[in-house]
Amino acid sequence: MVAQYLLQRKEDFYALATATGATRKDAWVDVEGGIGTLFAYSSLVRRELSDETALVEDAWIPLSKNGTFGAQHILSPKTGVAIHIDAFNFPIWGMLEKVAPTLLAGVPCIVKPATEGAELTHAVVAAIHESGLLPEGSLQLICGQTYDLFDHLNPQDTITFTGSAVTGQKLRAHPHLNAHSIPFTMEADSVNSAILSPAANDETIDLFVREVFREITIKAGQKCTAIRRAFVPAALLETAQTRLVEKLQKVVVGDPNRENVTMGTLASVKQKLDVAEKVEQLSQEAEVVFGSHLREDFTLQVDDAEKSACYPPTVLVCNNPSQAENIHRIEAFGPVVTLMPYGDLDELGALVARGEGSLVASIVRNADENIEALLKKIAPCMAVYIS
């Protein structure tokens, strides 16, 4: 019912989304993607769960020879509160994907959105409150500083954090959290990979380029799963680079309120400056072959480029990835990707593994290509998506 209530008001959220620099296409991921998450969880619960407040998770597990001793797991709600600290890139979806399972588990939420985009989070929470569908106090919102909030938590409370690794590590080291063993789950920086398979044909190269292009331009590259490192067989590097640049040259970056704009802005000027700084660090080990603030070869469709939060799609090429450090460690959280060649699967596996803690790697292959050996090299490092 909450999802249906929000869906009826989606145009209000779309109107606000342009203030975050998002085009209509970008906002669809956040607005309807977030509401769709509520529908998905609702459907899951109706199919698989009962109205009981304690659930038997599994069958009786005998732990003694004669079956006189055993175990069975029972799930029940915690008696505390879940604090969800969210990132700026998905102010709606990022909140709803956490709120949905929390409320279904019978636990109240306190949502703390990032400052950038908080107006969208506020609008959705206000709409949920207006609906009257949730118990009073079950969903609360803090826009701004949390001050001494952590000092009031106890072991029945939980914290989830999505954002930069630096901020997350500072929060996780809070003395009160450690002293009382309060659960803290963090999703932070991720230098995700895309891999073009060794035997890729012309059609597969095009698919790979489209995937990288999409990940650069949707939400202006501000996604936790966006491709940051693109690995290409050495013999195909020039081909992949040329085709990617040709597609990016057609992108129109600027004010999302303008009809011809196809890629919006970053979340803030502060974020633009952060991306520029990261690109400069990456450029110490790789050549910028397209875009960025360093080349100044991209026209932005805004009234004042200096004051805007626009950053052009940027492609770097690192010809010696085995010798590089920054490329595998630093994430420019924007429309930035680094192309890298690889020689064989052993080298590729080692390079992918250098992105420690990455969320996902995508493998683009020919339909009839066997990639079992490739999967064995990279699957232990992260989740793998195959197309």
Protein backbone atom coordinates (compact mmCIF):
# COMPACT_ATOMS: atom_id res chain seq x y z
CA MET A 1 0.00 0.00 0.00
CA VAL A 2 2.87 2.38 0.74
CA ALA A 3 4.38 1.61 -2.67
CA GLN A 4 1.09 2.29 -4.44
CA TYR A 5 0.66 5.54 -2.51
CA LEU A 6 4.12 6.73 -3.56
CA LEU A 7 3.67 5.62 -7.17
CA GLN A 8 0.61 7.84 -7.47
CA ARG A 9 2.82 10.80 -6.49
CA LYS A 10 5.88 9.94 -8.57
CA GLU A 11 5.63 13.07 -10.75
CA ASP A 12 6.19 15.22 -7.66
CA PHE A 13 9.42 13.32 -7.03
CA TYR A 14 10.52 13.62 -10.66
CA ALA A 15 10.05 17.40 -10.47
CA LEU A 16 12.31 17.57 -7.43
CA ALA A 17 14.91 15.27 -8.95
CA THR A 18 16.16 17.86 -11.44
CA ALA A 19 17.50 19.83 -8.46
CA THR A 20 19.91 16.94 -7.85
CA GLY A 21 21.21 17.18 -11.42
CA ALA A 22 19.33 14.12 -12.66
CA THR A 23 17.68 13.80 -16.05
CA ARG A 24 14.30 12.07 -16.28
CA LYS A 25 16.08 8.85 -17.29
CA ASP A 26 18.43 9.12 -14.31
CA ALA A 27 15.59 9.87 -11.91
CA TRP A 28 13.65 6.82 -13.12
CA VAL A 29 16.28 4.56 -11.54
CA ASP A 30 15.89 6.35 -8.22
CA VAL A 31 12.17 7.13 -8.15
CA GLU A 32 10.49 4.12 -9.76
CA GLY A 33 13.39 1.83 -8.92
CA GLY A 34 12.93 2.68 -5.25
CA ILE A 35 9.16 2.29 -5.33
CA GLY A 36 9.60 -0.96 -7.27
CA THR A 37 11.77 -2.25 -4.44
CA LEU A 38 8.85 -1.77 -2.05
CA PHE A 39 6.58 -3.71 -4.40
CA ALA A 40 9.17 -6.50 -4.66
CA TYR A 41 9.53 -6.89 -0.89
CA SER A 42 5.76 -6.74 -0.44
CA SER A 43 5.29 -9.53 -2.97
CA LEU A 44 8.01 -11.61 -1.33
CA VAL A 45 6.39 -11.31 2.09
CA ARG A 46 2.92 -12.19 0.81
CA ARG A 47 4.29 -15.30 -0.89
CA GLU A 48 6.67 -16.60 1.74
CA LEU A 49 5.96 -15.18 5.20
CA SER A 50 3.12 -15.37 7.69
CA ASP A 51 1.79 -12.81 10.15
CA GLU A 52 3.68 -14.42 13.02
CA THR A 53 6.27 -12.29 14.84
CA ALA A 54 8.60 -15.23 15.34
CA LEU A 55 9.54 -17.52 12.45
CA VAL A 56 11.06 -21.00 12.42
CA GLU A 57 13.94 -20.76 9.94
CA ASP A 58 14.79 -24.41 9.32
CA ALA A 59 14.09 -28.03 10.25
CA TRP A 60 15.28 -29.70 13.44
CA ILE A 61 19.03 -30.37 13.22
CA PRO A 62 20.06 -33.48 15.25
CA LEU A 63 23.34 -32.95 17.08
CA SER A 64 23.59 -36.19 19.01
CA LYS A 65 23.83 -39.83 17.97
CA ASN A 66 20.41 -40.80 19.34
CA GLY A 67 18.66 -37.56 18.40
CA THR A 68 18.17 -36.52 22.02
CA PHE A 69 19.97 -33.21 21.43
CA GLY A 70 19.57 -30.86 18.50
CA ALA A 71 18.93 -27.32 17.37
CA GLN A 72 16.45 -25.22 15.43
CA HIS A 73 16.78 -21.55 14.50
CA ILE A 74 14.02 -19.09 15.30
CA LEU A 75 13.97 -15.58 13.89
CA SER A 76 12.45 -12.68 15.81
CA PRO A 77 12.70 -8.87 15.56
CA LYS A 78 15.32 -6.95 17.48
CA THR A 79 13.92 -4.62 20.10
CA GLY A 80 16.04 -1.66 19.02
CA VAL A 81 16.10 0.69 16.05
CA ALA A 82 17.87 0.58 12.68
CA ILE A 83 19.77 3.71 11.69
CA HIS A 84 20.24 4.01 7.94
CA ILE A 85 22.89 6.50 6.79
CA ASP A 86 22.51 6.92 3.04
CA ALA A 87 24.57 8.27 0.14
CA PHE A 88 23.72 11.21 -2.11
CA ASN A 89 23.45 9.33 -5.40
CA PHE A 90 20.12 7.56 -4.72
CA PRO A 91 18.17 9.65 -2.19
CA ILE A 92 14.95 7.64 -2.74
CA TRP A 93 15.96 4.13 -3.78
CA GLY A 94 18.89 4.09 -1.38
CA MET A 95 16.52 4.76 1.50
CA LEU A 96 13.65 2.49 0.45
CA GLU A 97 15.85 -0.55 -0.19
CA LYS A 98 16.88 -0.39 3.47
CA VAL A 99 13.59 0.70 4.99
CA ALA A 100 11.53 -2.06 3.35
CA PRO A 101 13.24 -5.12 4.90
CA THR A 102 13.69 -3.30 8.20
CA LEU A 103 9.99 -2.54 8.64
CA LEU A 104 9.05 -6.01 7.45
CA ALA A 105 11.30 -7.38 10.18
CA GLY A 106 9.31 -5.38 12.72
CA VAL A 107 12.08 -2.87 13.47
CA PRO A 108 11.61 0.94 13.37
CA CYS A 109 13.96 3.10 11.26
CA ILE A 110 15.81 6.36 11.56
CA VAL A 111 16.94 7.59 8.13
CA LYS A 112 19.88 9.97 7.75
CA PRO A 113 20.26 11.04 4.10
CA ALA A 114 23.26 12.83 2.63
CA THR A 115 22.91 16.61 2.51
CA GLU A 116 22.91 16.59 -1.31
CA GLY A 117 19.54 15.22 -2.39
CA ALA A 118 18.03 15.27 1.09
CA GLU A 119 15.05 17.22 -0.25
CA LEU A 120 14.03 14.14 -2.24
CA THR A 121 14.33 11.83 0.74
CA HIS A 122 12.34 14.30 2.83
CA ALA A 123 9.58 14.47 0.21
CA VAL A 124 9.18 10.69 0.16
CA VAL A 125 9.22 10.34 3.96
CA ALA A 126 6.69 13.19 4.23
CA ALA A 127 4.42 11.41 1.73
CA ILE A 128 4.68 8.14 3.69
CA HIS A 129 3.76 9.97 6.91
CA GLU A 130 0.83 11.66 5.17
CA SER A 131 -0.47 8.28 4.03
CA GLY A 132 -1.02 7.15 7.61
CA LEU A 133 -0.13 3.60 6.58
CA LEU A 134 2.76 3.09 9.01
CA PRO A 135 2.62 3.05 12.82
CA GLU A 136 3.58 6.35 14.39
CA GLY A 137 7.32 6.59 15.00
CA SER A 138 8.22 3.60 12.83
CA LEU A 139 9.94 5.81 10.23
CA GLN A 140 11.86 8.90 11.32
CA LEU A 141 14.14 11.28 9.43
CA ILE A 142 17.19 13.33 10.37
CA CYS A 143 18.34 15.90 7.81
CA GLY A 144 21.56 17.43 9.09
CA GLN A 145 23.90 16.57 11.93
CA THR A 146 23.28 13.53 14.11
CA TYR A 147 25.29 14.99 17.00
CA ASP A 148 25.40 12.45 19.89
CA LEU A 149 22.98 9.94 18.34
CA PHE A 150 25.48 7.07 18.45
CA ASP A 151 26.02 7.56 22.19
CA HIS A 152 22.40 6.55 22.85
CA LEU A 153 22.51 3.23 21.00
CA ASN A 154 22.64 -0.23 22.55
CA PRO A 155 23.37 -3.77 21.25
CA GLN A 156 19.78 -4.19 20.05
CA ASP A 157 20.28 -1.32 17.58
CA THR A 158 21.93 -1.58 14.16
CA ILE A 159 23.58 0.87 11.76
CA THR A 160 23.93 0.67 8.00
CA PHE A 161 26.13 3.07 6.09
CA THR A 162 26.44 3.81 2.36
CA GLY A 163 29.00 6.38 1.25
CA SER A 164 32.71 7.04 1.14
CA ALA A 165 35.13 4.62 2.76
CA VAL A 166 36.82 7.46 4.67
CA THR A 167 33.58 8.58 6.33
CA GLY A 168 32.42 5.03 6.94
CA GLN A 169 35.64 4.03 8.66
CA LYS A 170 35.46 7.08 10.93
CA LEU A 171 31.91 6.23 11.96
CA ARG A 172 32.67 2.55 12.46
CA ALA A 173 35.51 3.47 14.82
CA HIS A 174 33.14 5.34 17.17
CA PRO A 175 34.09 4.29 20.73
CA HIS A 176 30.50 3.66 21.83
CA LEU A 177 29.84 1.30 18.91
CA ASN A 178 32.92 -0.74 19.69
CA ALA A 179 32.34 -0.76 23.43
CA HIS A 180 28.83 -2.18 23.04
CA SER A 181 29.37 -4.34 19.93
CA ILE A 182 26.71 -2.48 17.97
CA PRO A 183 26.40 -3.94 14.44
CA PHE A 184 27.69 -1.60 11.70
CA THR A 185 27.34 -2.58 8.03
CA MET A 186 29.20 -0.49 5.45
CA GLU A 187 29.00 -0.25 1.68
CA ALA A 188 31.70 2.09 0.41
CA ASP A 189 34.06 2.87 -2.48
CA SER A 190 34.25 0.23 -5.17
CA VAL A 191 36.49 0.11 -8.26
CA ASN A 192 34.25 -2.30 -10.17
CA SER A 193 35.44 -4.04 -13.32
CA ALA A 194 34.18 -4.82 -16.80
CA ILE A 195 36.01 -7.53 -18.73
CA LEU A 196 35.98 -8.10 -22.47
CA SER A 197 36.59 -11.80 -23.03
CA PRO A 198 39.75 -12.99 -24.82
CA ALA A 199 37.93 -14.28 -27.92
CA ALA A 200 35.50 -11.37 -28.28
CA ASN A 201 34.12 -10.86 -31.79
CA ASP A 202 32.97 -7.58 -33.32
CA GLU A 203 29.43 -7.86 -31.96
CA THR A 204 30.73 -8.60 -28.46
CA ILE A 205 33.05 -5.57 -28.58
CA ASP A 206 30.05 -3.38 -29.39
CA LEU A 207 28.11 -4.88 -26.47
CA PHE A 208 31.06 -4.22 -24.16
CA VAL A 209 31.34 -0.61 -25.33
CA ARG A 210 27.59 -0.05 -24.84
CA GLU A 211 27.81 -1.41 -21.31
CA VAL A 212 30.74 0.83 -20.39
CA PHE A 213 29.06 3.82 -22.06
CA ARG A 214 25.85 3.24 -20.11
CA GLU A 215 27.69 2.96 -16.80
CA ILE A 216 29.57 6.22 -17.46
CA THR A 217 26.53 8.27 -18.43
CA ILE A 218 23.59 7.01 -16.32
CA LYS A 219 23.39 9.15 -13.16
CA ALA A 220 26.61 10.79 -14.47
CA GLY A 221 28.47 7.71 -13.29
CA GLN A 222 27.32 8.15 -9.69
CA LYS A 223 26.45 4.53 -8.95
CA CYS A 224 28.11 2.18 -6.50
CA THR A 225 28.11 -0.53 -9.18
CA ALA A 226 29.41 1.69 -11.99
CA ILE A 227 32.35 0.43 -14.04
CA ARG A 228 35.62 2.10 -13.06
CA ARG A 229 38.14 -0.32 -14.59
CA ALA A 230 37.57 -1.81 -18.05
CA PHE A 231 39.89 -4.68 -19.01
CA VAL A 232 40.38 -5.42 -22.71
CA PRO A 233 42.56 -7.96 -24.54
CA ALA A 234 45.67 -6.03 -25.59
CA ALA A 235 45.00 -6.63 -29.29
CA LEU A 236 41.51 -5.08 -28.99
CA LEU A 237 42.33 -2.06 -26.82
CA GLU A 238 42.54 0.48 -29.63
CA THR A 239 39.30 -0.75 -31.19
CA ALA A 240 37.41 -0.58 -27.90
CA GLN A 241 38.81 2.87 -27.12
CA THR A 242 37.88 4.29 -30.52
CA ARG A 243 34.30 3.00 -30.37
CA LEU A 244 33.76 4.20 -26.81
CA VAL A 245 35.04 7.69 -27.55
CA GLU A 246 32.86 7.90 -30.68
CA LYS A 247 29.75 7.18 -28.61
CA LEU A 248 30.72 9.59 -25.84
CA GLN A 249 31.26 12.41 -28.35
CA LYS A 250 27.50 12.36 -28.98
CA VAL A 251 26.61 12.87 -25.30
CA VAL A 252 25.14 16.25 -24.37
CA VAL A 253 26.06 17.18 -20.79
CA GLY A 254 24.35 20.01 -18.97
CA ASP A 255 21.27 21.35 -17.21
CA PRO A 256 18.76 18.45 -16.98
CA ASN A 257 15.93 20.93 -17.58
CA ARG A 258 17.14 21.42 -21.16
CA GLU A 259 15.48 19.11 -23.66
CA ASN A 260 18.63 18.22 -25.60
CA VAL A 261 20.65 17.24 -22.53
CA THR A 262 21.30 13.48 -22.27
CA MET A 263 23.58 13.45 -19.20
CA GLY A 264 22.95 15.56 -16.13
CA THR A 265 25.21 16.98 -13.47
CA LEU A 266 26.96 15.58 -10.46
CA ALA A 267 25.23 15.97 -7.10
CA SER A 268 27.06 19.17 -6.18
CA VAL A 269 29.96 21.46 -7.05
CA LYS A 270 31.82 19.87 -4.14
CA GLN A 271 31.41 16.50 -5.82
CA LYS A 272 32.65 17.92 -9.12
CA LEU A 273 35.80 19.16 -7.44
CA ASP A 274 36.27 15.77 -5.78
CA VAL A 275 35.99 13.95 -9.12
CA ALA A 276 38.45 16.41 -10.70
CA GLU A 277 40.94 15.75 -7.92
CA LYS A 278 40.60 11.98 -8.34
CA VAL A 279 41.04 12.25 -12.11
CA GLU A 280 44.28 14.13 -11.56
CA GLN A 281 45.49 11.32 -9.30
CA LEU A 282 44.50 8.70 -11.88
CA SER A 283 46.21 10.66 -14.64
CA GLN A 284 49.54 10.14 -12.90
CA GLU A 285 49.38 6.53 -14.11
CA ALA A 286 47.10 6.76 -17.13
CA GLU A 287 46.59 9.04 -20.12
CA VAL A 288 43.35 11.00 -20.38
CA VAL A 289 42.23 10.30 -23.95
CA PHE A 290 38.79 11.92 -23.76
CA GLY A 291 36.96 14.44 -21.60
CA SER A 292 37.89 15.61 -18.08
CA HIS A 293 38.69 19.13 -16.92
CA LEU A 294 42.29 18.63 -18.05
CA ARG A 295 41.65 18.43 -21.79
CA GLU A 296 38.82 20.97 -22.03
CA ASP A 297 37.55 19.35 -25.21
CA PHE A 298 33.92 19.05 -24.14
CA THR A 299 31.19 21.73 -24.32
CA LEU A 300 28.77 21.84 -21.39
CA GLN A 301 25.16 22.96 -21.96
CA VAL A 302 24.82 25.27 -18.96
CA ASP A 303 24.70 29.02 -18.38
CA ASP A 304 27.84 29.05 -16.25
CA ALA A 305 30.11 26.03 -16.52
CA GLU A 306 32.32 27.19 -13.65
CA LYS A 307 29.43 27.37 -11.17
CA SER A 308 27.70 24.24 -12.42
CA ALA A 309 28.19 20.71 -11.09
CA CYS A 310 28.74 19.32 -14.61
CA TYR A 311 31.69 17.06 -15.33
CA PRO A 312 32.31 15.65 -18.82
CA PRO A 313 32.48 11.90 -19.48
CA THR A 314 36.13 10.93 -19.12
CA VAL A 315 38.17 8.04 -20.50
CA LEU A 316 41.69 7.20 -19.39
CA VAL A 317 44.00 4.51 -20.76
CA CYS A 318 46.57 2.81 -18.54
CA ASN A 319 48.99 0.82 -20.68
CA ASN A 320 50.87 -0.66 -17.71
CA PRO A 321 48.15 -1.67 -15.22
CA SER A 322 50.41 -4.15 -13.43
CA GLN A 323 52.69 -1.28 -12.39
CA ALA A 324 49.84 1.05 -11.38
CA GLU A 325 48.51 1.66 -7.88
CA ASN A 326 45.98 4.51 -8.01
CA ILE A 327 43.96 2.94 -10.83
CA HIS A 328 43.10 -0.06 -8.66
CA ARG A 329 42.56 1.89 -5.46
CA ILE A 330 41.02 5.29 -6.18
CA GLU A 331 37.42 5.69 -7.28
CA ALA A 332 36.42 8.87 -9.10
CA PHE A 333 32.72 8.80 -8.27
CA GLY A 334 31.49 10.25 -11.52
CA PRO A 335 31.54 9.69 -15.31
CA VAL A 336 35.08 8.28 -15.35
CA VAL A 337 36.48 4.96 -16.59
CA THR A 338 39.99 3.63 -17.19
CA LEU A 339 40.67 1.21 -20.05
CA MET A 340 43.45 -1.32 -19.48
CA PRO A 341 44.96 -4.08 -21.63
CA TYR A 342 45.62 -7.61 -20.42
CA GLY A 343 47.72 -10.37 -21.94
CA ASP A 344 46.48 -13.65 -20.46
CA LEU A 345 44.06 -14.90 -17.82
CA ASP A 346 46.67 -15.07 -15.08
CA GLU A 347 47.46 -11.39 -15.55
CA LEU A 348 43.77 -10.51 -15.78
CA GLY A 349 42.92 -12.38 -12.58
CA ALA A 350 45.70 -10.60 -10.71
CA LEU A 351 44.58 -7.19 -12.00
CA VAL A 352 40.91 -7.68 -11.13
CA ALA A 353 41.88 -8.81 -7.62
CA ARG A 354 43.79 -5.54 -7.13
CA GLY A 355 40.45 -3.77 -6.73
CA GLU A 356 40.05 -5.04 -3.19
CA GLY A 357 36.53 -4.91 -1.84
CA SER A 358 34.92 -4.21 -5.22
CA LEU A 359 31.24 -5.05 -5.47
CA VAL A 360 30.98 -6.56 -8.91
CA ALA A 361 32.71 -7.49 -12.16
CA SER A 362 30.96 -7.79 -15.52
CA ILE A 363 32.13 -10.26 -18.17
CA VAL A 364 31.12 -9.60 -21.76
CA ARG A 365 31.67 -12.65 -23.95
CA ASN A 366 30.62 -14.31 -27.21
CA ALA A 367 27.41 -16.32 -26.86
CA ASP A 368 29.22 -19.62 -27.50
CA GLU A 369 32.43 -18.79 -25.61
CA ASN A 370 33.49 -20.96 -22.68
CA ILE A 371 34.67 -18.71 -19.84
CA GLU A 372 35.03 -21.30 -17.08
CA ALA A 373 38.76 -20.64 -16.74
CA LEU A 374 38.12 -16.89 -16.57
CA LEU A 375 35.47 -17.30 -13.87
CA LYS A 376 37.83 -19.36 -11.72
CA LYS A 377 40.29 -16.47 -11.79
CA ILE A 378 37.93 -13.67 -10.74
CA ALA A 379 34.89 -15.21 -8.99
CA PRO A 380 36.68 -15.45 -5.59
CA CYS A 381 37.23 -11.67 -5.67
CA MET A 382 33.65 -10.36 -6.11
CA ALA A 383 30.20 -11.00 -7.52
CA VAL A 384 30.25 -11.64 -11.28
CA TYR A 385 27.67 -10.56 -13.88
CA ILE A 386 27.84 -12.28 -17.29
CA SER A 387 26.39 -10.88 -20.50
